[in-house]
Amino acid sequence: MSGLEAIVRNAGEGELHWFFGGGVHRWLATTEQTGGSYLLFEDAMERGKVTPLHLHPEVEESMIVLEGELLMHLDGVERRVGEGGMVMVPRGMPHAFLVTSEKARILCLLTPGIGQDFYLGASEPYVEGAAHEVDFAKIAQSGRDNGGIEILGPPPFAHLAAAPH
């Protein structure tokens, strides 16, 4: 046996973190719990949540859309991914996403489980009803301090700013 313990999470279980890029992460399986094999969390977001253009140098990032729709920017190509869809971003590929639906929930799987320190450094424990501010500077700082991500530039969706949603 591997020495790892089984992980069981029912709906609504798991530690919550406010991610400074917007959204609430529900931690389902940490790097420590998986022996470094993967990191798994759910991300609940609202319309307009956007990421800067970035890449993950050491992990593949897979996202399964549980609810809503994302506009993915994958190495210069835009693709919509709706409920029930998935996207796998290879390590080193520049990417970003924009939530185009009222709400969205994704299941995010990072393999191997590198980058957890980045996410923890770019978030704080979630407190219901508290003011939570988006702060890309804190995300960039966590990337510099903890690795796991390289910020390449601002969100690449400027062409949509004037478009009706």
N, C-alpha and C. Protein backbone atom coordinates (compact mmCIF):
# COMPACT_ATOMS: atom_id res chain seq x y z
N MET A 1 0.84 -1.20 0.00
CA MET A 1 0.00 0.00 0.00
C MET A 1 0.87 1.25 0.00
N SER A 2 0.30 2.35 -0.44
CA SER A 2 1.05 3.59 -0.62
C SER A 2 1.28 4.38 0.66
N GLY A 3 0.57 4.07 1.72
CA GLY A 3 0.66 4.84 2.95
C GLY A 3 -0.30 6.02 2.96
N LEU A 4 -1.01 6.24 1.86
CA LEU A 4 -2.00 7.31 1.81
C LEU A 4 -3.31 6.82 2.40
N GLU A 5 -4.09 7.76 2.91
CA GLU A 5 -5.42 7.42 3.42
C GLU A 5 -6.47 7.76 2.38
N ALA A 6 -7.57 7.05 2.41
CA ALA A 6 -8.68 7.35 1.51
C ALA A 6 -9.22 8.74 1.82
N ILE A 7 -9.71 9.41 0.80
CA ILE A 7 -10.32 10.73 0.94
C ILE A 7 -11.78 10.61 0.53
N VAL A 8 -12.67 11.06 1.37
CA VAL A 8 -14.09 11.09 1.05
C VAL A 8 -14.61 12.49 1.33
N ARG A 9 -15.18 13.11 0.32
CA ARG A 9 -15.80 14.43 0.48
C ARG A 9 -17.21 14.34 -0.09
N ASN A 10 -18.19 14.68 0.71
CA ASN A 10 -19.55 14.79 0.22
C ASN A 10 -19.79 16.22 -0.25
N ALA A 11 -20.88 16.43 -0.98
CA ALA A 11 -21.22 17.77 -1.47
C ALA A 11 -21.18 18.76 -0.32
N GLY A 12 -20.53 19.89 -0.54
CA GLY A 12 -20.46 20.93 0.47
C GLY A 12 -19.35 20.76 1.48
N GLU A 13 -18.58 19.68 1.39
CA GLU A 13 -17.48 19.47 2.32
C GLU A 13 -16.16 19.91 1.69
N GLY A 14 -15.24 20.33 2.52
CA GLY A 14 -13.93 20.77 2.08
C GLY A 14 -13.69 22.20 2.53
N GLU A 15 -12.45 22.50 2.82
CA GLU A 15 -12.05 23.82 3.29
C GLU A 15 -12.26 24.86 2.20
N LEU A 16 -12.81 26.04 2.57
CA LEU A 16 -13.09 27.10 1.61
C LEU A 16 -12.04 28.20 1.68
N HIS A 17 -11.63 28.68 0.50
CA HIS A 17 -10.68 29.78 0.39
C HIS A 17 -11.19 30.78 -0.64
N TRP A 18 -11.11 32.09 -0.32
CA TRP A 18 -11.37 33.15 -1.30
C TRP A 18 -10.09 33.33 -2.10
N PHE A 19 -10.17 33.13 -3.41
CA PHE A 19 -9.02 33.30 -4.30
C PHE A 19 -8.99 34.75 -4.72
N PHE A 20 -7.82 35.40 -4.61
CA PHE A 20 -7.71 36.83 -4.89
C PHE A 20 -8.01 37.18 -6.34
N GLY A 21 -8.08 36.20 -7.22
CA GLY A 21 -8.48 36.45 -8.60
C GLY A 21 -9.99 36.42 -8.78
N GLY A 22 -10.72 36.17 -7.70
CA GLY A 22 -12.17 36.04 -7.74
C GLY A 22 -12.55 34.58 -7.65
N GLY A 23 -13.58 34.29 -6.91
CA GLY A 23 -14.06 32.92 -6.79
C GLY A 23 -13.71 32.30 -5.45
N VAL A 24 -14.47 31.27 -5.13
CA VAL A 24 -14.29 30.54 -3.88
C VAL A 24 -13.84 29.12 -4.21
N HIS A 25 -12.69 28.75 -3.69
CA HIS A 25 -12.16 27.40 -3.88
C HIS A 25 -12.62 26.51 -2.73
N ARG A 26 -13.09 25.33 -3.06
CA ARG A 26 -13.39 24.31 -2.06
C ARG A 26 -12.35 23.21 -2.25
N TRP A 27 -11.44 23.06 -1.28
CA TRP A 27 -10.35 22.10 -1.38
C TRP A 27 -10.88 20.69 -1.17
N LEU A 28 -10.68 19.84 -2.18
CA LEU A 28 -11.18 18.47 -2.14
C LEU A 28 -10.08 17.45 -1.87
N ALA A 29 -8.89 17.68 -2.42
CA ALA A 29 -7.76 16.79 -2.18
C ALA A 29 -6.48 17.61 -2.31
N THR A 30 -5.72 17.67 -1.23
CA THR A 30 -4.49 18.47 -1.23
C THR A 30 -3.31 17.64 -1.72
N THR A 31 -2.24 18.33 -2.01
CA THR A 31 -1.00 17.67 -2.44
C THR A 31 -0.54 16.65 -1.39
N GLU A 32 -0.63 17.04 -0.12
CA GLU A 32 -0.21 16.13 0.96
C GLU A 32 -1.08 14.88 1.00
N GLN A 33 -2.39 15.06 0.81
CA GLN A 33 -3.31 13.92 0.87
C GLN A 33 -3.14 12.96 -0.29
N THR A 34 -2.62 13.43 -1.43
CA THR A 34 -2.46 12.59 -2.62
C THR A 34 -1.02 12.16 -2.84
N GLY A 35 -0.15 12.45 -1.89
CA GLY A 35 1.25 12.10 -2.06
C GLY A 35 1.91 12.83 -3.22
N GLY A 36 1.38 14.02 -3.56
CA GLY A 36 1.94 14.80 -4.66
C GLY A 36 1.43 14.42 -6.03
N SER A 37 0.56 13.42 -6.11
CA SER A 37 0.05 12.98 -7.42
C SER A 37 -0.81 14.04 -8.10
N TYR A 38 -1.64 14.71 -7.31
CA TYR A 38 -2.51 15.73 -7.87
C TYR A 38 -3.03 16.66 -6.79
N LEU A 39 -3.64 17.75 -7.23
CA LEU A 39 -4.34 18.72 -6.39
C LEU A 39 -5.71 18.88 -7.01
N LEU A 40 -6.77 18.83 -6.20
CA LEU A 40 -8.13 18.90 -6.71
C LEU A 40 -8.95 19.89 -5.89
N PHE A 41 -9.56 20.86 -6.60
CA PHE A 41 -10.47 21.78 -5.91
C PHE A 41 -11.60 22.19 -6.84
N GLU A 42 -12.70 22.61 -6.23
CA GLU A 42 -13.83 23.16 -6.96
C GLU A 42 -13.72 24.68 -6.86
N ASP A 43 -14.08 25.37 -7.93
CA ASP A 43 -14.02 26.83 -7.97
C ASP A 43 -15.39 27.35 -8.35
N ALA A 44 -16.02 28.13 -7.46
CA ALA A 44 -17.32 28.75 -7.72
C ALA A 44 -17.09 30.22 -8.05
N MET A 45 -17.60 30.65 -9.21
CA MET A 45 -17.30 32.00 -9.72
C MET A 45 -18.56 32.66 -10.26
N GLU A 46 -18.46 33.97 -10.50
CA GLU A 46 -19.56 34.73 -11.07
C GLU A 46 -19.15 35.33 -12.40
N ARG A 47 -20.20 35.77 -13.16
CA ARG A 47 -19.96 36.38 -14.48
C ARG A 47 -18.88 37.46 -14.39
N GLY A 48 -17.98 37.45 -15.37
CA GLY A 48 -16.94 38.46 -15.45
C GLY A 48 -15.63 38.07 -14.77
N LYS A 49 -15.64 37.00 -13.98
CA LYS A 49 -14.37 36.55 -13.37
C LYS A 49 -13.42 36.23 -14.51
N VAL A 50 -12.22 36.74 -14.42
CA VAL A 50 -11.26 36.59 -15.50
C VAL A 50 -9.89 36.32 -14.89
N THR A 51 -9.06 35.61 -15.62
CA THR A 51 -7.69 35.38 -15.17
C THR A 51 -6.73 36.15 -16.07
N PRO A 52 -5.58 36.52 -15.53
CA PRO A 52 -4.56 37.10 -16.42
C PRO A 52 -4.03 35.99 -17.33
N LEU A 53 -3.39 36.38 -18.41
CA LEU A 53 -2.73 35.40 -19.27
C LEU A 53 -1.58 34.81 -18.45
N HIS A 54 -1.54 33.49 -18.36
CA HIS A 54 -0.54 32.83 -17.52
C HIS A 54 -0.25 31.44 -18.04
N LEU A 55 0.73 30.81 -17.41
CA LEU A 55 1.01 29.40 -17.69
C LEU A 55 1.47 28.73 -16.40
N HIS A 56 1.34 27.42 -16.40
CA HIS A 56 1.83 26.60 -15.29
C HIS A 56 2.99 25.77 -15.85
N PRO A 57 4.22 26.05 -15.41
CA PRO A 57 5.38 25.40 -16.03
C PRO A 57 5.54 23.92 -15.70
N GLU A 58 4.92 23.44 -14.62
CA GLU A 58 5.19 22.08 -14.17
C GLU A 58 3.97 21.17 -14.09
N VAL A 59 2.79 21.67 -14.46
CA VAL A 59 1.59 20.84 -14.31
C VAL A 59 0.67 20.93 -15.51
N GLU A 60 -0.10 19.89 -15.71
CA GLU A 60 -1.24 19.92 -16.61
C GLU A 60 -2.43 20.36 -15.76
N GLU A 61 -3.23 21.28 -16.30
CA GLU A 61 -4.41 21.78 -15.58
C GLU A 61 -5.64 21.32 -16.35
N SER A 62 -6.47 20.50 -15.69
CA SER A 62 -7.72 20.05 -16.30
C SER A 62 -8.88 20.69 -15.56
N MET A 63 -9.84 21.19 -16.33
CA MET A 63 -11.02 21.82 -15.75
C MET A 63 -12.26 21.17 -16.34
N ILE A 64 -13.13 20.72 -15.45
CA ILE A 64 -14.43 20.17 -15.84
C ILE A 64 -15.47 21.20 -15.43
N VAL A 65 -16.28 21.64 -16.37
CA VAL A 65 -17.30 22.65 -16.10
C VAL A 65 -18.53 21.93 -15.53
N LEU A 66 -18.79 22.17 -14.25
CA LEU A 66 -19.93 21.56 -13.57
C LEU A 66 -21.20 22.37 -13.79
N GLU A 67 -21.02 23.68 -13.95
CA GLU A 67 -22.16 24.60 -14.11
C GLU A 67 -21.65 25.83 -14.85
N GLY A 68 -22.45 26.34 -15.79
CA GLY A 68 -22.11 27.59 -16.46
C GLY A 68 -21.28 27.42 -17.72
N GLU A 69 -20.58 28.51 -18.08
CA GLU A 69 -19.77 28.52 -19.30
C GLU A 69 -18.53 29.38 -19.10
N LEU A 70 -17.43 28.92 -19.69
CA LEU A 70 -16.17 29.66 -19.71
C LEU A 70 -15.77 29.94 -21.14
N LEU A 71 -15.14 31.08 -21.34
CA LEU A 71 -14.45 31.35 -22.60
C LEU A 71 -12.98 31.15 -22.31
N MET A 72 -12.39 30.14 -22.94
CA MET A 72 -10.99 29.80 -22.73
C MET A 72 -10.14 30.45 -23.82
N HIS A 73 -9.01 30.98 -23.43
CA HIS A 73 -8.00 31.50 -24.34
C HIS A 73 -6.82 30.53 -24.21
N LEU A 74 -6.58 29.75 -25.24
CA LEU A 74 -5.57 28.69 -25.21
C LEU A 74 -4.51 28.97 -26.27
N ASP A 75 -3.39 29.51 -25.85
CA ASP A 75 -2.28 29.80 -26.76
C ASP A 75 -2.76 30.60 -27.98
N GLY A 76 -3.61 31.63 -27.71
CA GLY A 76 -4.07 32.52 -28.76
C GLY A 76 -5.38 32.14 -29.42
N VAL A 77 -5.92 30.97 -29.10
CA VAL A 77 -7.18 30.51 -29.70
C VAL A 77 -8.27 30.52 -28.63
N GLU A 78 -9.43 31.08 -28.96
CA GLU A 78 -10.54 31.12 -28.00
C GLU A 78 -11.55 30.01 -28.29
N ARG A 79 -11.98 29.36 -27.20
CA ARG A 79 -12.96 28.28 -27.29
C ARG A 79 -13.93 28.41 -26.12
N ARG A 80 -15.20 28.19 -26.36
CA ARG A 80 -16.20 28.16 -25.29
C ARG A 80 -16.31 26.74 -24.75
N VAL A 81 -16.43 26.64 -23.43
CA VAL A 81 -16.61 25.34 -22.79
C VAL A 81 -17.81 25.46 -21.86
N GLY A 82 -18.84 24.69 -22.16
CA GLY A 82 -20.08 24.75 -21.39
C GLY A 82 -20.21 23.62 -20.39
N GLU A 83 -21.33 23.66 -19.69
CA GLU A 83 -21.63 22.68 -18.64
C GLU A 83 -21.45 21.25 -19.16
N GLY A 84 -20.71 20.47 -18.41
CA GLY A 84 -20.42 19.09 -18.80
C GLY A 84 -19.17 18.97 -19.66
N GLY A 85 -18.63 20.10 -20.11
CA GLY A 85 -17.43 20.08 -20.94
C GLY A 85 -16.16 20.08 -20.09
N MET A 86 -15.05 19.89 -20.76
CA MET A 86 -13.76 19.91 -20.06
C MET A 86 -12.69 20.47 -20.97
N VAL A 87 -11.62 20.92 -20.32
CA VAL A 87 -10.45 21.39 -21.05
C VAL A 87 -9.22 20.92 -20.28
N MET A 88 -8.21 20.49 -21.01
CA MET A 88 -6.93 20.14 -20.40
C MET A 88 -5.89 21.06 -21.02
N VAL A 89 -5.20 21.82 -20.16
CA VAL A 89 -4.18 22.75 -20.61
C VAL A 89 -2.82 22.13 -20.32
N PRO A 90 -2.04 21.82 -21.35
CA PRO A 90 -0.72 21.23 -21.12
C PRO A 90 0.22 22.19 -20.39
N ARG A 91 1.14 21.64 -19.63
CA ARG A 91 2.12 22.48 -18.94
C ARG A 91 2.84 23.37 -19.95
N GLY A 92 3.03 24.62 -19.55
CA GLY A 92 3.75 25.57 -20.39
C GLY A 92 2.89 26.30 -21.42
N MET A 93 1.60 25.94 -21.58
CA MET A 93 0.76 26.60 -22.57
C MET A 93 0.15 27.88 -21.99
N PRO A 94 0.36 29.03 -22.64
CA PRO A 94 -0.28 30.26 -22.19
C PRO A 94 -1.80 30.14 -22.29
N HIS A 95 -2.50 30.56 -21.23
CA HIS A 95 -3.95 30.46 -21.22
C HIS A 95 -4.56 31.44 -20.23
N ALA A 96 -5.86 31.60 -20.37
CA ALA A 96 -6.66 32.45 -19.48
C ALA A 96 -8.11 32.02 -19.68
N PHE A 97 -8.97 32.44 -18.75
CA PHE A 97 -10.40 32.20 -18.99
C PHE A 97 -11.24 33.33 -18.43
N LEU A 98 -12.46 33.41 -18.97
CA LEU A 98 -13.45 34.40 -18.60
C LEU A 98 -14.77 33.67 -18.36
N VAL A 99 -15.44 33.95 -17.24
CA VAL A 99 -16.76 33.37 -16.96
C VAL A 99 -17.79 34.19 -17.73
N THR A 100 -18.52 33.53 -18.64
CA THR A 100 -19.51 34.22 -19.48
C THR A 100 -20.94 33.99 -19.02
N SER A 101 -21.17 33.06 -18.13
CA SER A 101 -22.50 32.80 -17.59
C SER A 101 -22.68 33.54 -16.27
N GLU A 102 -23.90 33.60 -15.76
CA GLU A 102 -24.16 34.28 -14.49
C GLU A 102 -23.30 33.71 -13.37
N LYS A 103 -23.24 32.40 -13.30
CA LYS A 103 -22.42 31.69 -12.32
C LYS A 103 -21.74 30.54 -13.03
N ALA A 104 -20.63 30.11 -12.47
CA ALA A 104 -19.93 28.94 -13.01
C ALA A 104 -19.28 28.20 -11.86
N ARG A 105 -19.21 26.90 -12.01
CA ARG A 105 -18.46 26.06 -11.07
C ARG A 105 -17.63 25.10 -11.90
N ILE A 106 -16.36 25.01 -11.54
CA ILE A 106 -15.48 24.08 -12.24
C ILE A 106 -14.79 23.18 -11.22
N LEU A 107 -14.45 22.02 -11.66
CA LEU A 107 -13.60 21.11 -10.91
C LEU A 107 -12.22 21.25 -11.54
N CYS A 108 -11.23 21.63 -10.75
CA CYS A 108 -9.89 21.89 -11.27
C CYS A 108 -8.93 20.82 -10.74
N LEU A 109 -8.26 20.14 -11.65
CA LEU A 109 -7.32 19.07 -11.32
C LEU A 109 -5.95 19.45 -11.86
N LEU A 110 -4.97 19.53 -10.97
CA LEU A 110 -3.59 19.83 -11.35
C LEU A 110 -2.75 18.58 -11.15
N THR A 111 -2.10 18.14 -12.23
CA THR A 111 -1.26 16.94 -12.15
C THR A 111 0.12 17.23 -12.72
N PRO A 112 1.18 16.91 -11.98
CA PRO A 112 1.15 16.43 -10.59
C PRO A 112 0.70 17.54 -9.65
N GLY A 113 0.69 17.25 -8.36
CA GLY A 113 0.16 18.17 -7.36
C GLY A 113 1.10 19.30 -6.99
N ILE A 114 1.72 19.90 -7.98
CA ILE A 114 2.63 21.03 -7.76
C ILE A 114 1.81 22.31 -7.92
N GLY A 115 2.09 23.30 -7.12
CA GLY A 115 1.40 24.58 -7.26
C GLY A 115 0.46 24.90 -6.12
N GLN A 116 0.30 23.98 -5.20
CA GLN A 116 -0.60 24.23 -4.08
C GLN A 116 -0.16 25.46 -3.28
N ASP A 117 1.13 25.64 -3.09
CA ASP A 117 1.62 26.80 -2.34
C ASP A 117 1.24 28.10 -3.03
N PHE A 118 1.24 28.10 -4.37
CA PHE A 118 0.79 29.29 -5.09
C PHE A 118 -0.66 29.61 -4.74
N TYR A 119 -1.54 28.61 -4.86
CA TYR A 119 -2.97 28.85 -4.59
C TYR A 119 -3.22 29.28 -3.15
N LEU A 120 -2.52 28.66 -2.22
CA LEU A 120 -2.70 29.06 -0.82
C LEU A 120 -2.18 30.47 -0.57
N GLY A 121 -1.07 30.84 -1.21
CA GLY A 121 -0.53 32.18 -1.07
C GLY A 121 -1.36 33.24 -1.77
N ALA A 122 -2.20 32.82 -2.70
CA ALA A 122 -3.04 33.75 -3.47
C ALA A 122 -4.49 33.69 -3.01
N SER A 123 -4.69 33.26 -1.76
CA SER A 123 -6.05 33.17 -1.24
C SER A 123 -6.03 33.39 0.26
N GLU A 124 -7.22 33.46 0.82
CA GLU A 124 -7.38 33.57 2.27
C GLU A 124 -8.60 32.74 2.65
N PRO A 125 -8.69 32.31 3.91
CA PRO A 125 -9.88 31.56 4.30
C PRO A 125 -11.15 32.34 3.96
N TYR A 126 -12.13 31.66 3.42
CA TYR A 126 -13.39 32.30 3.02
C TYR A 126 -14.27 32.49 4.23
N VAL A 127 -14.80 33.70 4.37
CA VAL A 127 -15.74 34.02 5.44
C VAL A 127 -17.02 34.51 4.80
N GLU A 128 -18.12 33.79 4.99
CA GLU A 128 -19.41 34.17 4.43
C GLU A 128 -19.78 35.59 4.85
N GLY A 129 -20.15 36.43 3.90
CA GLY A 129 -20.59 37.79 4.18
C GLY A 129 -19.47 38.81 4.30
N ALA A 130 -18.23 38.36 4.38
CA ALA A 130 -17.10 39.30 4.48
C ALA A 130 -16.81 39.91 3.11
N ALA A 131 -16.22 41.09 3.12
CA ALA A 131 -15.81 41.73 1.87
C ALA A 131 -14.56 41.04 1.34
N HIS A 132 -14.64 40.55 0.13
CA HIS A 132 -13.50 39.88 -0.50
C HIS A 132 -13.18 40.63 -1.79
N GLU A 133 -11.96 41.12 -1.90
CA GLU A 133 -11.57 41.94 -3.05
C GLU A 133 -10.68 41.16 -4.02
N VAL A 134 -10.90 41.37 -5.31
CA VAL A 134 -10.02 40.82 -6.35
C VAL A 134 -8.73 41.64 -6.31
N ASP A 135 -7.59 40.95 -6.32
CA ASP A 135 -6.30 41.62 -6.23
C ASP A 135 -5.26 40.84 -7.04
N PHE A 136 -5.11 41.20 -8.33
CA PHE A 136 -4.16 40.49 -9.19
C PHE A 136 -2.72 40.66 -8.71
N ALA A 137 -2.43 41.77 -8.01
CA ALA A 137 -1.06 41.97 -7.51
C ALA A 137 -0.70 40.88 -6.49
N LYS A 138 -1.66 40.48 -5.66
CA LYS A 138 -1.40 39.41 -4.69
C LYS A 138 -1.19 38.07 -5.39
N ILE A 139 -1.88 37.87 -6.50
CA ILE A 139 -1.69 36.63 -7.28
C ILE A 139 -0.28 36.61 -7.86
N ALA A 140 0.13 37.71 -8.46
CA ALA A 140 1.47 37.79 -9.04
C ALA A 140 2.54 37.61 -7.96
N GLN A 141 2.33 38.22 -6.80
CA GLN A 141 3.30 38.08 -5.71
C GLN A 141 3.40 36.64 -5.24
N SER A 142 2.26 35.95 -5.12
CA SER A 142 2.31 34.55 -4.72
C SER A 142 3.05 33.71 -5.76
N GLY A 143 2.86 34.02 -7.03
CA GLY A 143 3.59 33.31 -8.07
C GLY A 143 5.09 33.50 -7.94
N ARG A 144 5.51 34.74 -7.65
CA ARG A 144 6.95 35.00 -7.46
C ARG A 144 7.47 34.30 -6.21
N ASP A 145 6.69 34.31 -5.15
CA ASP A 145 7.13 33.73 -3.88
C ASP A 145 7.08 32.21 -3.86
N ASN A 146 6.07 31.63 -4.53
CA ASN A 146 5.80 30.19 -4.37
C ASN A 146 5.93 29.37 -5.63
N GLY A 147 6.13 30.01 -6.78
CA GLY A 147 6.20 29.25 -8.03
C GLY A 147 4.83 28.71 -8.41
N GLY A 148 4.81 27.80 -9.37
CA GLY A 148 3.58 27.15 -9.79
C GLY A 148 2.84 27.87 -10.90
N ILE A 149 3.19 29.13 -11.16
CA ILE A 149 2.52 29.91 -12.18
C ILE A 149 3.47 31.00 -12.67
N GLU A 150 3.31 31.37 -13.94
CA GLU A 150 4.01 32.53 -14.50
C GLU A 150 2.95 33.43 -15.11
N ILE A 151 2.84 34.65 -14.60
CA ILE A 151 1.90 35.63 -15.15
C ILE A 151 2.57 36.25 -16.38
N LEU A 152 1.89 36.17 -17.52
CA LEU A 152 2.46 36.64 -18.78
C LEU A 152 1.93 38.01 -19.18
N GLY A 153 0.76 38.38 -18.67
CA GLY A 153 0.18 39.66 -19.05
C GLY A 153 -1.24 39.79 -18.56
N PRO A 154 -1.91 40.86 -18.95
CA PRO A 154 -3.29 41.08 -18.51
C PRO A 154 -4.24 40.09 -19.18
N PRO A 155 -5.48 40.03 -18.72
CA PRO A 155 -6.46 39.15 -19.38
C PRO A 155 -6.56 39.50 -20.86
N PRO A 156 -6.60 38.50 -21.73
CA PRO A 156 -6.59 38.75 -23.18
C PRO A 156 -7.99 38.94 -23.78
N PHE A 157 -8.95 39.44 -23.00
CA PHE A 157 -10.33 39.52 -23.46
C PHE A 157 -10.80 40.96 -23.66
N ALA A 158 -9.90 41.91 -23.90
CA ALA A 158 -10.25 43.31 -24.06
C ALA A 158 -11.28 43.51 -25.16
N HIS A 159 -11.23 42.68 -26.20
CA HIS A 159 -12.15 42.82 -27.33
C HIS A 159 -13.60 42.58 -26.91
N LEU A 160 -13.84 41.99 -25.74
CA LEU A 160 -15.19 41.71 -25.28
C LEU A 160 -15.72 42.78 -24.34
N ALA A 161 -14.88 43.72 -23.93
CA ALA A 161 -15.27 44.71 -22.92
C ALA A 161 -16.50 45.50 -23.35
N ALA A 162 -16.61 45.84 -24.61
CA ALA A 162 -17.75 46.63 -25.09
C ALA A 162 -18.90 45.74 -25.59
N ALA A 163 -18.66 44.45 -25.69
CA ALA A 163 -19.68 43.55 -26.22
C ALA A 163 -20.75 43.28 -25.16
N PRO A 164 -22.03 43.18 -25.57
CA PRO A 164 -23.07 42.85 -24.58
C PRO A 164 -22.92 41.41 -24.12
N HIS A 165 -23.26 41.17 -22.87
CA HIS A 165 -23.16 39.81 -22.31
C HIS A 165 -24.45 39.07 -22.47
